[in-house]
Amino acid sequence: MIEDILVEAADKMDSTIENAKEDFSAIRTGRAHPGMYAKVMVDYYGSPTPLQQLASFATPDARTILITPYDVTALREIEKALGDSEVGANPSNDGKTIRVIMPVLTEERRKEYVKVVRGKGEDAKVALRNLRRKAKDGIDKLVKDGEVGEDDGARAEKELDALTKSHTDSIDDLLKRKETELLEV
């Protein structure tokens, strides 16, 4: 039973790390890459649809992204969603493709992005702590109900702490790399 709780906590913590990676990749640096649009939703025939399901992406140079919709009728909605997104670029379309040219980041803007990244990193750490608390409550309940011994409960709690620390360290590493990437000119 304790193993089930620890495995479930580890799976959910791994998922939290993956979500943090996605959040970090959506924050732009000086280079254009399709991952910046991973969270952009387009109103496609009345239902919100991820942009990456509606178009193909190409990066002809470091600051330009060409977005070619699979369905040309969605061009206006895609352009509107790109303009409303928090990526901070102005899209322009030629009737078949959308061209997004990323402006050069100023030092001030880079520092703002670092603050955003730190906030997302802290959100991920809070999620990890919440998962730890939930797993600890489950272990404590097993001990209280007499289903496992106190020694097993204490051992499981130490394993849970080690698991939480390793995932928190992973978030810190991701955060450090993204900050370095953002501040690089």
Protein backbone atom coordinates (compact mmCIF):
# COMPACT_ATOMS: atom_id res chain seq x y z
CA MET A 1 0.00 0.00 0.00
CA ILE A 2 2.80 2.39 0.85
CA GLU A 3 4.48 1.49 -2.44
CA ASP A 4 1.29 2.43 -4.30
CA ILE A 5 1.25 5.83 -2.62
CA LEU A 6 4.93 6.45 -3.42
CA VAL A 7 4.57 5.31 -7.05
CA GLU A 8 1.53 7.53 -7.55
CA ALA A 9 3.36 10.50 -6.00
CA ALA A 10 6.40 9.88 -8.23
CA ASP A 11 4.23 9.71 -11.36
CA LYS A 12 2.44 12.93 -10.51
CA MET A 13 5.73 14.67 -9.68
CA ASP A 14 7.18 13.54 -13.03
CA SER A 15 4.11 15.01 -14.69
CA THR A 16 4.66 18.29 -12.83
CA ILE A 17 8.25 18.41 -14.15
CA GLU A 18 6.99 17.85 -17.71
CA ASN A 19 4.43 20.64 -17.30
CA ALA A 20 7.17 22.97 -16.04
CA LYS A 21 9.32 22.12 -19.08
CA GLU A 22 6.40 22.98 -21.37
CA ASP A 23 5.76 26.23 -19.52
CA PHE A 24 9.42 27.20 -19.74
CA SER A 25 9.64 26.40 -23.45
CA ALA A 26 6.63 28.64 -24.12
CA ILE A 27 8.58 31.64 -22.83
CA ARG A 28 10.47 33.16 -25.68
CA THR A 29 14.12 33.93 -25.86
CA GLY A 30 15.97 35.69 -28.66
CA ARG A 31 15.42 32.71 -30.97
CA ALA A 32 12.17 31.70 -32.61
CA HIS A 33 10.97 28.14 -32.04
CA PRO A 34 7.58 26.43 -32.45
CA GLY A 35 7.45 25.44 -28.77
CA MET A 36 6.60 29.04 -27.93
CA TYR A 37 3.13 28.38 -29.32
CA ALA A 38 2.48 25.09 -27.52
CA LYS A 39 -0.15 26.67 -25.25
CA VAL A 40 -1.83 28.93 -27.83
CA MET A 41 -5.48 27.95 -28.34
CA VAL A 42 -7.39 28.89 -31.49
CA ASP A 43 -11.16 29.18 -31.73
CA TYR A 44 -11.65 26.68 -34.55
CA TYR A 45 -15.31 26.28 -35.52
CA GLY A 46 -16.42 27.21 -32.02
CA SER A 47 -14.10 24.94 -30.04
CA PRO A 48 -10.70 25.85 -28.58
CA THR A 49 -8.02 23.88 -30.45
CA PRO A 50 -4.25 23.88 -29.89
CA LEU A 51 -2.47 25.80 -32.65
CA GLN A 52 -0.04 22.94 -33.24
CA GLN A 53 -2.96 20.78 -34.38
CA LEU A 54 -4.05 23.36 -36.96
CA ALA A 55 -0.80 24.35 -38.66
CA SER A 56 2.75 23.43 -39.54
CA PHE A 57 5.71 25.49 -38.40
CA ALA A 58 8.96 26.44 -40.13
CA THR A 59 11.81 28.61 -38.89
CA PRO A 60 13.68 30.04 -41.90
CA ASP A 61 15.97 32.09 -39.64
CA ALA A 62 16.59 32.68 -35.94
CA ARG A 63 13.88 35.33 -35.51
CA THR A 64 11.17 34.27 -37.98
CA ILE A 65 8.49 31.60 -37.79
CA LEU A 66 6.30 30.69 -40.75
CA ILE A 67 2.98 29.17 -39.78
CA THR A 68 1.07 27.39 -42.54
CA PRO A 69 -2.49 26.39 -41.60
CA TYR A 70 -3.74 23.00 -42.80
CA ASP A 71 -7.13 24.68 -43.37
CA VAL A 72 -6.77 28.13 -44.99
CA THR A 73 -10.19 29.18 -43.65
CA ALA A 74 -8.69 29.16 -40.13
CA LEU A 75 -6.08 31.77 -41.08
CA ARG A 76 -7.90 34.73 -39.50
CA GLU A 77 -8.64 32.88 -36.26
CA ILE A 78 -5.02 31.71 -36.00
CA GLU A 79 -3.76 35.25 -36.58
CA LYS A 80 -6.15 36.58 -33.92
CA ALA A 81 -5.03 33.92 -31.40
CA LEU A 82 -1.37 34.72 -32.09
CA GLY A 83 -1.99 38.42 -31.56
CA ASP A 84 -3.77 37.74 -28.27
CA SER A 85 -1.11 35.31 -26.99
CA GLU A 86 1.49 36.28 -24.42
CA VAL A 87 4.39 35.55 -26.78
CA GLY A 88 4.61 39.24 -27.65
CA ALA A 89 5.00 39.26 -31.45
CA ASN A 90 2.91 40.74 -34.23
CA PRO A 91 1.78 38.23 -36.86
CA SER A 92 1.21 39.18 -40.49
CA ASN A 93 -0.43 37.01 -43.14
CA ASP A 94 -0.12 36.85 -46.91
CA GLY A 95 -3.33 34.88 -47.49
CA LYS A 96 -1.68 31.45 -47.20
CA THR A 97 0.86 31.64 -44.38
CA ILE A 98 1.41 33.69 -41.27
CA ARG A 99 4.84 35.19 -40.72
CA VAL A 100 5.85 36.07 -37.16
CA ILE A 101 9.03 38.08 -36.76
CA MET A 102 10.32 38.20 -33.22
CA PRO A 103 11.57 41.60 -32.14
CA VAL A 104 14.99 41.74 -30.52
CA LEU A 105 14.64 41.50 -26.76
CA THR A 106 15.75 44.46 -24.69
CA GLU A 107 17.54 43.89 -21.40
CA GLU A 108 14.48 45.12 -19.53
CA ARG A 109 12.21 42.67 -21.37
CA ARG A 110 14.64 39.81 -20.68
CA LYS A 111 14.50 40.58 -16.96
CA GLU A 112 10.69 40.57 -17.10
CA TYR A 113 10.81 37.12 -18.71
CA VAL A 114 13.16 35.92 -15.97
CA LYS A 115 10.57 37.04 -13.39
CA VAL A 116 7.87 35.15 -15.27
CA VAL A 117 10.05 32.02 -15.39
CA ARG A 118 10.76 32.26 -11.66
CA GLY A 119 7.03 32.55 -10.99
CA LYS A 120 6.31 29.45 -13.07
CA GLY A 121 9.15 27.64 -11.30
CA GLU A 122 7.70 28.54 -7.92
CA ASP A 123 4.26 27.36 -9.06
CA ALA A 124 5.80 24.00 -10.00
CA LYS A 125 7.49 23.75 -6.59
CA VAL A 126 4.19 24.51 -4.85
CA ALA A 127 2.56 21.74 -6.88
CA LEU A 128 5.33 19.34 -5.79
CA ARG A 129 4.84 20.29 -2.13
CA ASN A 130 1.09 19.75 -2.45
CA LEU A 131 1.69 16.29 -3.93
CA ARG A 132 4.08 15.50 -1.09
CA ARG A 133 1.53 16.61 1.50
CA LYS A 134 -1.20 14.48 -0.06
CA ALA A 135 1.08 11.40 -0.14
CA LYS A 136 2.18 12.03 3.46
CA ASP A 137 -1.44 12.26 4.56
CA GLY A 138 -2.06 8.89 2.88
CA ILE A 139 0.92 7.32 4.67
CA ASP A 140 -0.15 8.83 8.02
CA LYS A 141 -3.65 7.42 7.55
CA LEU A 142 -2.25 3.93 6.92
CA VAL A 143 -0.15 4.15 10.09
CA LYS A 144 -3.08 5.51 12.13
CA ASP A 145 -5.42 2.76 10.90
CA GLY A 146 -2.84 0.16 11.86
CA GLU A 147 -2.43 -1.19 8.32
CA VAL A 148 1.34 -0.57 8.45
CA GLY A 149 3.80 -0.13 11.29
CA GLU A 150 5.25 3.16 12.42
CA ASP A 151 8.72 2.13 11.23
CA ASP A 152 7.38 1.45 7.73
CA GLY A 153 5.58 4.79 7.83
CA ALA A 154 8.76 6.62 8.85
CA ARG A 155 10.76 4.83 6.12
CA ALA A 156 8.14 5.73 3.51
CA GLU A 157 8.16 9.34 4.66
CA LYS A 158 11.96 9.51 4.21
CA GLU A 159 11.58 8.04 0.70
CA LEU A 160 8.89 10.62 -0.03
CA ASP A 161 11.15 13.45 1.17
CA ALA A 162 14.00 12.22 -1.03
CA LEU A 163 11.65 11.96 -4.00
CA THR A 164 10.35 15.48 -3.42
CA LYS A 165 13.87 16.88 -3.06
CA SER A 166 15.06 15.27 -6.31
CA HIS A 167 12.07 16.71 -8.22
CA THR A 168 12.53 20.14 -6.63
CA ASP A 169 16.20 20.05 -7.64
CA SER A 170 15.10 19.23 -11.21
CA ILE A 171 12.88 22.32 -11.23
CA ASP A 172 15.80 24.41 -9.94
CA ASP A 173 18.06 23.07 -12.72
CA LEU A 174 15.45 23.83 -15.39
CA LEU A 175 14.98 27.29 -13.93
CA LYS A 176 18.72 28.00 -13.90
CA ARG A 177 19.12 26.89 -17.53
CA LYS A 178 16.14 28.97 -18.70
CA GLU A 179 17.40 32.06 -16.86
CA THR A 180 20.83 31.66 -18.49
CA GLU A 181 19.17 31.24 -21.89
CA LEU A 182 17.03 34.34 -21.37
CA LEU A 183 19.86 36.58 -20.22
CA GLU A 184 22.19 35.44 -23.01
CA VAL A 185 22.56 38.19 -25.62
